[in-house]
Amino acid sequence: MRFILICLALLAQDATYKVKLETTAGNIVMEVHRDWAPIGAARFYELVRSGFYDNSRFFRVVAGRWAQFGIPGDPRLAAEWREKTIPDDPRKESNTRGTFAFAMTGPGARTTQIFIALGDLSYQDKDNFAPLGRVIEGMDVADKLYSGYGETAGGGMRGGKQGRIFAEGNAHLDRDFPKLDKLVRATIPPQ
């Protein structure tokens, strides 16, 4: 019910909002377009406002492809949200460099994980990855997020490499993948 109320409240607001990601590599500013993916935009807003992404890691970074975040560092919080899916938005925009979307394993599987397209990912359009918006500042920062671990730190949801992140959180990532960049805080700056 709370999520539905947030969705309704957002529909009455401005057509866009910004999210500032403060990272160990620098700041990234994302502009969310509610009309591109209204359900995803509402979930992202809810998660950012609640501090969900704070003190997490960019656990899946593949140079020229994507930078993914969205599993909290606290395993209890990760477990609480792991199965809270949202319905799909129809894809209205293409997954090109600088756009960002929810990661998913198939229809009706979006939860909390976001990826930033570091290159042209339009080949994913057929799978209905619905971009929420575009990075408007700090794409150079996104490009320099540590990518040396590639898929090994927490590959795609289908890759089966995220279980330890959910179970152990930052303790696992900081111990076994210490070079990962941190998402220090995500905020919605005043418009």
N, C-alpha and C. Protein backbone atom coordinates (compact mmCIF):
# COMPACT_ATOMS: atom_id res chain seq x y z
N MET A 1 0.82 -1.20 0.00
CA MET A 1 0.00 0.00 0.00
C MET A 1 0.87 1.27 0.00
N ARG A 2 1.94 1.24 0.83
CA ARG A 2 2.83 2.40 0.90
C ARG A 2 3.42 2.71 -0.46
N PHE A 3 3.84 1.68 -1.19
CA PHE A 3 4.43 1.88 -2.51
C PHE A 3 3.42 2.50 -3.47
N ILE A 4 2.18 2.08 -3.42
CA ILE A 4 1.13 2.64 -4.29
C ILE A 4 0.93 4.11 -3.97
N LEU A 5 0.93 4.47 -2.69
CA LEU A 5 0.78 5.87 -2.31
C LEU A 5 1.94 6.72 -2.80
N ILE A 6 3.15 6.15 -2.73
CA ILE A 6 4.32 6.87 -3.25
C ILE A 6 4.17 7.07 -4.76
N CYS A 7 3.74 6.04 -5.47
CA CYS A 7 3.53 6.15 -6.92
C CYS A 7 2.55 7.26 -7.25
N LEU A 8 1.43 7.30 -6.53
CA LEU A 8 0.41 8.32 -6.78
C LEU A 8 0.94 9.72 -6.48
N ALA A 9 1.69 9.84 -5.38
CA ALA A 9 2.25 11.15 -5.03
C ALA A 9 3.25 11.62 -6.07
N LEU A 10 4.04 10.70 -6.59
CA LEU A 10 5.03 11.07 -7.60
C LEU A 10 4.39 11.51 -8.90
N LEU A 11 3.27 10.91 -9.24
CA LEU A 11 2.60 11.29 -10.48
C LEU A 11 2.16 12.76 -10.46
N ALA A 12 1.92 13.27 -9.27
CA ALA A 12 1.48 14.66 -9.14
C ALA A 12 2.66 15.64 -9.11
N GLN A 13 3.88 15.13 -9.08
CA GLN A 13 5.06 15.99 -8.98
C GLN A 13 5.66 16.25 -10.35
N ASP A 14 6.83 16.89 -10.31
CA ASP A 14 7.54 17.22 -11.54
C ASP A 14 7.79 15.97 -12.38
N ALA A 15 7.99 16.17 -13.66
CA ALA A 15 8.20 15.06 -14.59
C ALA A 15 9.54 14.37 -14.38
N THR A 16 10.49 15.06 -13.74
CA THR A 16 11.82 14.48 -13.50
C THR A 16 12.24 14.74 -12.06
N TYR A 17 13.16 13.95 -11.60
CA TYR A 17 13.87 14.25 -10.35
C TYR A 17 15.31 13.77 -10.52
N LYS A 18 16.18 14.32 -9.70
CA LYS A 18 17.60 13.96 -9.78
C LYS A 18 17.99 13.12 -8.57
N VAL A 19 18.96 12.25 -8.77
CA VAL A 19 19.56 11.46 -7.71
C VAL A 19 21.06 11.68 -7.78
N LYS A 20 21.64 12.04 -6.66
CA LYS A 20 23.09 12.23 -6.57
C LYS A 20 23.69 11.02 -5.86
N LEU A 21 24.61 10.34 -6.54
CA LEU A 21 25.35 9.24 -5.95
C LEU A 21 26.71 9.76 -5.54
N GLU A 22 27.00 9.77 -4.25
CA GLU A 22 28.32 10.13 -3.77
C GLU A 22 29.10 8.82 -3.66
N THR A 23 30.17 8.72 -4.44
CA THR A 23 30.95 7.48 -4.49
C THR A 23 32.40 7.75 -4.14
N THR A 24 33.15 6.70 -3.92
CA THR A 24 34.57 6.85 -3.64
C THR A 24 35.35 7.27 -4.88
N ALA A 25 34.72 7.23 -6.04
CA ALA A 25 35.36 7.66 -7.28
C ALA A 25 34.96 9.09 -7.68
N GLY A 26 33.98 9.67 -6.98
CA GLY A 26 33.44 10.98 -7.32
C GLY A 26 31.92 10.92 -7.35
N ASN A 27 31.29 12.01 -7.75
CA ASN A 27 29.83 12.08 -7.76
C ASN A 27 29.25 11.78 -9.14
N ILE A 28 28.09 11.14 -9.11
CA ILE A 28 27.32 10.85 -10.32
C ILE A 28 25.93 11.42 -10.09
N VAL A 29 25.44 12.20 -11.04
CA VAL A 29 24.08 12.75 -10.94
C VAL A 29 23.24 12.11 -12.03
N MET A 30 22.13 11.52 -11.59
CA MET A 30 21.22 10.83 -12.50
C MET A 30 19.91 11.62 -12.57
N GLU A 31 19.36 11.73 -13.76
CA GLU A 31 18.06 12.37 -13.91
C GLU A 31 17.04 11.29 -14.25
N VAL A 32 16.05 11.16 -13.38
CA VAL A 32 14.99 10.16 -13.56
C VAL A 32 13.82 10.81 -14.28
N HIS A 33 13.34 10.15 -15.32
CA HIS A 33 12.18 10.62 -16.08
C HIS A 33 11.00 9.73 -15.73
N ARG A 34 10.07 10.28 -15.00
CA ARG A 34 8.92 9.48 -14.54
C ARG A 34 8.13 8.88 -15.70
N ASP A 35 8.07 9.59 -16.81
CA ASP A 35 7.28 9.09 -17.95
C ASP A 35 7.98 7.95 -18.68
N TRP A 36 9.27 7.77 -18.51
CA TRP A 36 9.98 6.66 -19.14
C TRP A 36 9.61 5.34 -18.49
N ALA A 37 9.53 5.33 -17.16
CA ALA A 37 9.27 4.09 -16.42
C ALA A 37 8.67 4.48 -15.06
N PRO A 38 7.37 4.79 -15.02
CA PRO A 38 6.78 5.33 -13.80
C PRO A 38 6.86 4.41 -12.57
N ILE A 39 6.70 3.13 -12.76
CA ILE A 39 6.77 2.21 -11.62
C ILE A 39 8.20 2.12 -11.11
N GLY A 40 9.15 1.97 -12.02
CA GLY A 40 10.56 1.94 -11.63
C GLY A 40 11.00 3.25 -11.01
N ALA A 41 10.54 4.38 -11.54
CA ALA A 41 10.89 5.69 -10.99
C ALA A 41 10.38 5.83 -9.56
N ALA A 42 9.20 5.31 -9.29
CA ALA A 42 8.64 5.38 -7.94
C ALA A 42 9.44 4.50 -6.98
N ARG A 43 9.80 3.28 -7.42
CA ARG A 43 10.58 2.39 -6.54
C ARG A 43 11.96 3.00 -6.25
N PHE A 44 12.61 3.54 -7.27
CA PHE A 44 13.94 4.13 -7.09
C PHE A 44 13.86 5.29 -6.10
N TYR A 45 12.84 6.12 -6.24
CA TYR A 45 12.62 7.26 -5.34
C TYR A 45 12.48 6.76 -3.90
N GLU A 46 11.65 5.75 -3.72
CA GLU A 46 11.43 5.19 -2.39
C GLU A 46 12.74 4.68 -1.78
N LEU A 47 13.52 3.95 -2.56
CA LEU A 47 14.77 3.38 -2.06
C LEU A 47 15.80 4.47 -1.73
N VAL A 48 15.93 5.45 -2.60
CA VAL A 48 16.89 6.53 -2.35
C VAL A 48 16.49 7.31 -1.10
N ARG A 49 15.21 7.68 -1.01
CA ARG A 49 14.73 8.47 0.14
C ARG A 49 14.91 7.73 1.46
N SER A 50 14.85 6.43 1.43
CA SER A 50 14.97 5.64 2.67
C SER A 50 16.42 5.37 3.07
N GLY A 51 17.39 5.74 2.21
CA GLY A 51 18.79 5.48 2.50
C GLY A 51 19.23 4.06 2.15
N PHE A 52 18.41 3.36 1.40
CA PHE A 52 18.66 1.96 1.06
C PHE A 52 20.04 1.74 0.43
N TYR A 53 20.45 2.62 -0.47
CA TYR A 53 21.70 2.42 -1.21
C TYR A 53 22.95 2.90 -0.46
N ASP A 54 22.75 3.63 0.64
CA ASP A 54 23.88 4.19 1.37
C ASP A 54 24.80 3.08 1.89
N ASN A 55 26.09 3.34 1.80
CA ASN A 55 27.12 2.40 2.27
C ASN A 55 27.00 1.03 1.60
N SER A 56 26.82 1.05 0.30
CA SER A 56 26.80 -0.20 -0.48
C SER A 56 27.98 -0.17 -1.45
N ARG A 57 28.04 -1.14 -2.37
CA ARG A 57 29.16 -1.25 -3.28
C ARG A 57 28.70 -1.36 -4.73
N PHE A 58 29.53 -0.89 -5.65
CA PHE A 58 29.34 -1.17 -7.07
C PHE A 58 29.95 -2.54 -7.27
N PHE A 59 29.15 -3.58 -7.13
CA PHE A 59 29.66 -4.95 -7.06
C PHE A 59 29.83 -5.62 -8.42
N ARG A 60 29.28 -5.03 -9.46
CA ARG A 60 29.40 -5.62 -10.80
C ARG A 60 29.71 -4.51 -11.79
N VAL A 61 30.97 -4.37 -12.12
CA VAL A 61 31.39 -3.34 -13.06
C VAL A 61 32.20 -4.01 -14.17
N VAL A 62 31.71 -3.87 -15.39
CA VAL A 62 32.39 -4.39 -16.56
C VAL A 62 32.65 -3.19 -17.47
N ALA A 63 33.91 -2.85 -17.64
CA ALA A 63 34.28 -1.67 -18.43
C ALA A 63 33.61 -1.69 -19.80
N GLY A 64 33.03 -0.54 -20.16
CA GLY A 64 32.38 -0.40 -21.46
C GLY A 64 31.00 -1.05 -21.54
N ARG A 65 30.57 -1.70 -20.45
CA ARG A 65 29.26 -2.37 -20.47
C ARG A 65 28.32 -1.82 -19.40
N TRP A 66 28.62 -2.09 -18.13
CA TRP A 66 27.72 -1.62 -17.07
C TRP A 66 28.43 -1.47 -15.74
N ALA A 67 27.80 -0.69 -14.87
CA ALA A 67 28.19 -0.56 -13.47
C ALA A 67 26.91 -0.80 -12.67
N GLN A 68 26.94 -1.83 -11.83
CA GLN A 68 25.71 -2.24 -11.14
C GLN A 68 25.87 -2.09 -9.63
N PHE A 69 24.78 -1.63 -9.01
CA PHE A 69 24.69 -1.49 -7.56
C PHE A 69 23.27 -1.84 -7.14
N GLY A 70 23.04 -1.96 -5.83
CA GLY A 70 21.68 -2.15 -5.37
C GLY A 70 21.46 -3.30 -4.41
N ILE A 71 22.54 -3.91 -3.91
CA ILE A 71 22.41 -4.86 -2.81
C ILE A 71 23.00 -4.16 -1.60
N PRO A 72 22.19 -3.93 -0.57
CA PRO A 72 22.71 -3.18 0.58
C PRO A 72 23.83 -3.92 1.31
N GLY A 73 24.66 -3.15 2.01
CA GLY A 73 25.77 -3.72 2.76
C GLY A 73 25.32 -4.47 4.00
N ASP A 74 24.12 -4.20 4.49
CA ASP A 74 23.57 -4.86 5.67
C ASP A 74 22.74 -6.06 5.22
N PRO A 75 23.17 -7.29 5.55
CA PRO A 75 22.45 -8.48 5.09
C PRO A 75 20.98 -8.53 5.52
N ARG A 76 20.65 -7.96 6.67
CA ARG A 76 19.24 -7.96 7.11
C ARG A 76 18.38 -7.13 6.17
N LEU A 77 18.88 -5.96 5.78
CA LEU A 77 18.15 -5.11 4.84
C LEU A 77 18.08 -5.77 3.48
N ALA A 78 19.16 -6.40 3.05
CA ALA A 78 19.16 -7.10 1.76
C ALA A 78 18.11 -8.20 1.75
N ALA A 79 18.01 -8.97 2.83
CA ALA A 79 17.03 -10.06 2.91
C ALA A 79 15.60 -9.52 2.89
N GLU A 80 15.40 -8.39 3.54
CA GLU A 80 14.06 -7.78 3.60
C GLU A 80 13.55 -7.40 2.22
N TRP A 81 14.44 -6.93 1.34
CA TRP A 81 14.04 -6.42 0.03
C TRP A 81 14.25 -7.40 -1.12
N ARG A 82 14.92 -8.50 -0.87
CA ARG A 82 15.34 -9.39 -1.96
C ARG A 82 14.20 -9.88 -2.84
N GLU A 83 13.05 -10.12 -2.27
CA GLU A 83 11.91 -10.66 -3.02
C GLU A 83 10.81 -9.63 -3.28
N LYS A 84 11.02 -8.38 -2.94
CA LYS A 84 10.00 -7.34 -3.14
C LYS A 84 10.06 -6.83 -4.58
N THR A 85 9.42 -7.58 -5.45
CA THR A 85 9.44 -7.22 -6.88
C THR A 85 8.41 -6.15 -7.19
N ILE A 86 8.64 -5.50 -8.31
CA ILE A 86 7.68 -4.53 -8.84
C ILE A 86 7.31 -4.95 -10.26
N PRO A 87 6.11 -4.58 -10.69
CA PRO A 87 5.72 -4.91 -12.08
C PRO A 87 6.62 -4.21 -13.08
N ASP A 88 6.68 -4.77 -14.25
CA ASP A 88 7.49 -4.19 -15.32
C ASP A 88 6.86 -2.92 -15.87
N ASP A 89 7.71 -2.01 -16.27
CA ASP A 89 7.30 -0.86 -17.08
C ASP A 89 7.56 -1.24 -18.53
N PRO A 90 6.70 -0.84 -19.46
CA PRO A 90 7.05 -1.05 -20.86
C PRO A 90 8.27 -0.19 -21.21
N ARG A 91 9.19 -0.74 -21.97
CA ARG A 91 10.39 0.01 -22.35
C ARG A 91 10.01 1.08 -23.37
N LYS A 92 10.36 2.34 -23.04
CA LYS A 92 10.08 3.46 -23.94
C LYS A 92 11.35 4.06 -24.55
N GLU A 93 12.48 3.83 -23.90
CA GLU A 93 13.76 4.38 -24.35
C GLU A 93 14.73 3.22 -24.56
N SER A 94 15.79 3.48 -25.30
CA SER A 94 16.79 2.46 -25.57
C SER A 94 17.90 2.50 -24.52
N ASN A 95 18.50 1.36 -24.26
CA ASN A 95 19.59 1.22 -23.30
C ASN A 95 20.91 1.64 -23.95
N THR A 96 21.10 2.93 -24.04
CA THR A 96 22.31 3.48 -24.64
C THR A 96 23.22 4.02 -23.54
N ARG A 97 24.43 4.35 -23.92
CA ARG A 97 25.41 4.84 -22.95
C ARG A 97 24.81 5.96 -22.09
N GLY A 98 24.96 5.82 -20.78
CA GLY A 98 24.50 6.83 -19.85
C GLY A 98 23.11 6.60 -19.29
N THR A 99 22.34 5.70 -19.89
CA THR A 99 21.03 5.42 -19.31
C THR A 99 21.21 4.46 -18.14
N PHE A 100 20.18 4.33 -17.32
CA PHE A 100 20.22 3.38 -16.21
C PHE A 100 18.85 2.74 -16.07
N ALA A 101 18.85 1.49 -15.62
CA ALA A 101 17.62 0.70 -15.52
C ALA A 101 17.76 -0.29 -14.37
N PHE A 102 16.63 -0.86 -14.00
CA PHE A 102 16.64 -1.95 -13.02
C PHE A 102 17.16 -3.21 -13.69
N ALA A 103 18.04 -3.91 -13.00
CA ALA A 103 18.46 -5.24 -13.44
C ALA A 103 17.32 -6.20 -13.13
N MET A 104 17.25 -7.28 -13.88
CA MET A 104 16.19 -8.27 -13.66
C MET A 104 16.58 -9.58 -14.31
N THR A 105 15.89 -10.63 -13.91
CA THR A 105 16.14 -11.95 -14.50
C THR A 105 15.06 -12.35 -15.49
N GLY A 106 14.00 -11.56 -15.58
CA GLY A 106 12.90 -11.87 -16.48
C GLY A 106 11.70 -11.02 -16.10
N PRO A 107 10.56 -11.28 -16.72
CA PRO A 107 9.36 -10.49 -16.44
C PRO A 107 8.99 -10.51 -14.96
N GLY A 108 8.62 -9.34 -14.44
CA GLY A 108 8.15 -9.22 -13.06
C GLY A 108 9.21 -9.46 -12.00
N ALA A 109 10.48 -9.29 -12.33
CA ALA A 109 11.56 -9.65 -11.40
C ALA A 109 12.38 -8.45 -10.92
N ARG A 110 11.94 -7.22 -11.19
CA ARG A 110 12.72 -6.06 -10.74
C ARG A 110 12.57 -5.88 -9.23
N THR A 111 13.69 -5.63 -8.56
CA THR A 111 13.64 -5.40 -7.11
C THR A 111 14.36 -4.11 -6.75
N THR A 112 15.68 -4.15 -6.57
CA THR A 112 16.43 -2.99 -6.07
C THR A 112 17.69 -2.69 -6.85
N GLN A 113 18.13 -3.60 -7.70
CA GLN A 113 19.43 -3.44 -8.37
C GLN A 113 19.32 -2.59 -9.63
N ILE A 114 20.24 -1.66 -9.76
CA ILE A 114 20.29 -0.71 -10.87
C ILE A 114 21.61 -0.89 -11.61
N PHE A 115 21.56 -0.77 -12.94
CA PHE A 115 22.82 -0.73 -13.70
C PHE A 115 22.85 0.53 -14.55
N ILE A 116 24.05 1.10 -14.63
CA ILE A 116 24.31 2.24 -15.50
C ILE A 116 24.97 1.69 -16.75
N ALA A 117 24.44 2.03 -17.91
CA ALA A 117 25.03 1.58 -19.18
C ALA A 117 26.30 2.38 -19.46
N LEU A 118 27.44 1.69 -19.46
CA LEU A 118 28.72 2.33 -19.74
C LEU A 118 29.03 2.31 -21.23
N GLY A 119 28.20 1.65 -22.00
CA GLY A 119 28.33 1.57 -23.45
C GLY A 119 26.95 1.39 -24.05
N ASP A 120 26.90 1.10 -25.33
CA ASP A 120 25.63 0.88 -26.01
C ASP A 120 25.12 -0.52 -25.66
N LEU A 121 24.05 -0.57 -24.90
CA LEU A 121 23.44 -1.84 -24.50
C LEU A 121 22.08 -2.01 -25.17
N SER A 122 21.91 -1.39 -26.33
CA SER A 122 20.61 -1.47 -27.01
C SER A 122 20.23 -2.90 -27.35
N TYR A 123 21.19 -3.82 -27.40
CA TYR A 123 20.85 -5.22 -27.64
C TYR A 123 19.96 -5.77 -26.51
N GLN A 124 19.95 -5.10 -25.34
CA GLN A 124 19.09 -5.53 -24.24
C GLN A 124 17.66 -5.01 -24.37
N ASP A 125 17.41 -4.15 -25.32
CA ASP A 125 16.06 -3.61 -25.48
C ASP A 125 15.02 -4.71 -25.67
N LYS A 126 15.39 -5.75 -26.40
CA LYS A 126 14.44 -6.84 -26.67
C LYS A 126 14.02 -7.57 -25.39
N ASP A 127 14.83 -7.45 -24.33
CA ASP A 127 14.51 -8.10 -23.06
C ASP A 127 13.75 -7.18 -22.10
N ASN A 128 13.35 -6.00 -22.58
CA ASN A 128 12.52 -5.05 -21.84
C ASN A 128 13.19 -4.44 -20.61
N PHE A 129 14.52 -4.26 -20.65
CA PHE A 129 15.16 -3.47 -19.62
C PHE A 129 14.73 -2.03 -19.87
N ALA A 130 13.91 -1.48 -18.99
CA ALA A 130 13.30 -0.17 -19.20
C ALA A 130 14.11 0.93 -18.51
N PRO A 131 14.87 1.73 -19.28
CA PRO A 131 15.62 2.82 -18.65
C PRO A 131 14.70 3.77 -17.88
N LEU A 132 15.20 4.22 -16.71
CA LEU A 132 14.48 5.18 -15.87
C LEU A 132 14.92 6.60 -16.17
N GLY A 133 16.11 6.73 -16.71
CA GLY A 133 16.66 8.05 -16.94
C GLY A 133 18.08 7.96 -17.47
N ARG A 134 18.81 9.06 -17.27
CA ARG A 134 20.14 9.19 -17.85
C ARG A 134 21.07 9.89 -16.85
N VAL A 135 22.33 9.49 -16.87
CA VAL A 135 23.35 10.19 -16.09
C VAL A 135 23.58 11.54 -16.76
N ILE A 136 23.46 12.62 -15.98
CA ILE A 136 23.63 13.96 -16.55
C ILE A 136 24.93 14.62 -16.10
N GLU A 137 25.54 14.09 -15.04
CA GLU A 137 26.86 14.55 -14.59
C GLU A 137 27.60 13.34 -14.03
N GLY A 138 28.88 13.25 -14.34
CA GLY A 138 29.70 12.22 -13.72
C GLY A 138 29.80 10.92 -14.50
N MET A 139 29.52 10.96 -15.80
CA MET A 139 29.71 9.74 -16.58
C MET A 139 31.19 9.34 -16.57
N ASP A 140 32.07 10.33 -16.49
CA ASP A 140 33.50 10.03 -16.37
C ASP A 140 33.79 9.28 -15.07
N VAL A 141 33.04 9.58 -14.02
CA VAL A 141 33.17 8.88 -12.75
C VAL A 141 32.68 7.44 -12.90
N ALA A 142 31.53 7.27 -13.52
CA ALA A 142 31.00 5.91 -13.75
C ALA A 142 32.01 5.07 -14.54
N ASP A 143 32.65 5.68 -15.53
CA ASP A 143 33.63 4.97 -16.35
C ASP A 143 34.85 4.52 -15.55
N LYS A 144 35.19 5.25 -14.49
CA LYS A 144 36.39 4.89 -13.75
C LYS A 144 36.11 4.06 -12.49
N LEU A 145 34.85 3.66 -12.25
CA LEU A 145 34.57 2.75 -11.15
C LEU A 145 35.40 1.48 -11.35
N TYR A 146 35.89 0.92 -10.28
CA TYR A 146 36.81 -0.22 -10.39
C TYR A 146 36.13 -1.40 -11.09
N SER A 147 36.75 -1.84 -12.19
CA SER A 147 36.18 -2.92 -13.00
C SER A 147 37.07 -4.16 -13.05
N GLY A 148 38.12 -4.18 -12.26
CA GLY A 148 39.07 -5.28 -12.31
C GLY A 148 38.52 -6.64 -11.94
N TYR A 149 37.45 -6.68 -11.18
CA TYR A 149 36.86 -7.97 -10.79
C TYR A 149 35.84 -8.47 -11.82
N GLY A 150 35.38 -7.58 -12.69
CA GLY A 150 34.40 -7.97 -13.71
C GLY A 150 33.18 -8.64 -13.10
N GLU A 151 32.88 -9.83 -13.57
CA GLU A 151 31.70 -10.58 -13.13
C GLU A 151 31.94 -11.39 -11.85
N THR A 152 33.18 -11.46 -11.36
CA THR A 152 33.46 -12.37 -10.25
C THR A 152 32.95 -11.89 -8.90
N ALA A 153 32.85 -10.58 -8.68
CA ALA A 153 32.42 -10.08 -7.37
C ALA A 153 30.93 -10.29 -7.13
N GLY A 154 30.13 -10.25 -8.15
CA GLY A 154 28.69 -10.39 -7.97
C GLY A 154 27.99 -10.35 -9.30
N GLY A 155 28.46 -11.17 -10.23
CA GLY A 155 27.92 -11.20 -11.58
C GLY A 155 26.42 -11.06 -11.63
N GLY A 156 25.88 -11.08 -12.81
CA GLY A 156 24.44 -10.89 -12.98
C GLY A 156 23.61 -11.81 -12.11
N MET A 157 22.38 -11.43 -11.87
CA MET A 157 21.48 -12.21 -11.02
C MET A 157 21.41 -13.66 -11.47
N ARG A 158 21.45 -13.86 -12.78
CA ARG A 158 21.39 -15.22 -13.32
C ARG A 158 22.69 -15.98 -13.10
N GLY A 159 23.78 -15.26 -12.83
CA GLY A 159 25.09 -15.87 -12.69
C GLY A 159 25.29 -16.64 -11.39
N GLY A 160 24.38 -16.48 -10.43
CA GLY A 160 24.48 -17.21 -9.18
C GLY A 160 25.63 -16.77 -8.29
N LYS A 161 26.12 -15.56 -8.47
CA LYS A 161 27.27 -15.09 -7.69
C LYS A 161 26.89 -14.03 -6.66
N GLN A 162 25.61 -13.86 -6.40
CA GLN A 162 25.21 -12.81 -5.49
C GLN A 162 24.82 -13.33 -4.11
N GLY A 163 24.73 -14.62 -3.94
CA GLY A 163 24.29 -15.20 -2.67
C GLY A 163 25.10 -14.73 -1.48
N ARG A 164 26.43 -14.69 -1.64
CA ARG A 164 27.28 -14.26 -0.51
C ARG A 164 27.11 -12.78 -0.22
N ILE A 165 26.81 -11.98 -1.24
CA ILE A 165 26.58 -10.55 -0.98
C ILE A 165 25.33 -10.40 -0.13
N PHE A 166 24.27 -11.12 -0.48
CA PHE A 166 23.04 -11.07 0.31
C PHE A 166 23.27 -11.60 1.72
N ALA A 167 24.03 -12.66 1.85
CA ALA A 167 24.24 -13.31 3.15
C ALA A 167 25.21 -12.55 4.05
N GLU A 168 26.27 -11.97 3.47
CA GLU A 168 27.33 -11.37 4.28
C GLU A 168 27.50 -9.87 4.08
N GLY A 169 26.90 -9.32 3.03
CA GLY A 169 26.97 -7.89 2.78
C GLY A 169 28.36 -7.35 2.55
N ASN A 170 28.58 -6.14 3.07
CA ASN A 170 29.86 -5.46 2.87
C ASN A 170 31.03 -6.23 3.48
N ALA A 171 30.78 -7.00 4.55
CA ALA A 171 31.87 -7.76 5.17
C ALA A 171 32.54 -8.67 4.13
N HIS A 172 31.71 -9.36 3.34
CA HIS A 172 32.23 -10.22 2.28
C HIS A 172 32.93 -9.41 1.19
N LEU A 173 32.26 -8.37 0.71
CA LEU A 173 32.85 -7.60 -0.40
C LEU A 173 34.13 -6.90 0.02
N ASP A 174 34.15 -6.32 1.21
CA ASP A 174 35.35 -5.61 1.65
C ASP A 174 36.52 -6.56 1.90
N ARG A 175 36.23 -7.76 2.34
CA ARG A 175 37.28 -8.75 2.59
C ARG A 175 37.78 -9.37 1.28
N ASP A 176 36.85 -9.80 0.42
CA ASP A 176 37.22 -10.57 -0.76
C ASP A 176 37.39 -9.75 -2.03
N PHE A 177 36.83 -8.55 -2.05
CA PHE A 177 36.92 -7.67 -3.23
C PHE A 177 37.17 -6.23 -2.77
N PRO A 178 38.30 -6.00 -2.10
CA PRO A 178 38.53 -4.71 -1.43
C PRO A 178 38.66 -3.50 -2.35
N LYS A 179 38.85 -3.71 -3.62
CA LYS A 179 39.03 -2.57 -4.53
C LYS A 179 37.71 -2.02 -5.08
N LEU A 180 36.59 -2.68 -4.78
CA LEU A 180 35.30 -2.19 -5.27
C LEU A 180 35.06 -0.76 -4.79
N ASP A 181 34.53 0.06 -5.67
CA ASP A 181 34.15 1.41 -5.25
C ASP A 181 32.88 1.35 -4.42
N LYS A 182 32.81 2.30 -3.49
CA LYS A 182 31.67 2.38 -2.57
C LYS A 182 30.66 3.42 -3.06
N LEU A 183 29.41 3.11 -2.84
CA LEU A 183 28.36 4.10 -2.98
C LEU A 183 28.14 4.62 -1.56
N VAL A 184 28.70 5.76 -1.26
CA VAL A 184 28.69 6.30 0.10
C VAL A 184 27.28 6.72 0.48
N ARG A 185 26.63 7.46 -0.41
CA ARG A 185 25.28 7.96 -0.11
C ARG A 185 24.57 8.30 -1.41
N ALA A 186 23.28 8.02 -1.44
CA ALA A 186 22.42 8.43 -2.55
C ALA A 186 21.37 9.39 -1.99
N THR A 187 21.22 10.54 -2.64
CA THR A 187 20.28 11.55 -2.16
C THR A 187 19.47 12.12 -3.32
N ILE A 188 18.37 12.73 -2.97
CA ILE A 188 17.57 13.47 -3.96
C ILE A 188 17.76 14.95 -3.62
N PRO A 189 18.59 15.65 -4.39
CA PRO A 189 18.83 17.06 -4.10
C PRO A 189 17.57 17.89 -4.36
N PRO A 190 17.47 19.04 -3.70
CA PRO A 190 16.32 19.91 -3.97
C PRO A 190 16.28 20.29 -5.45
N GLN A 191 15.06 20.36 -6.01
CA GLN A 191 14.89 20.70 -7.43
C GLN A 191 15.18 22.16 -7.67
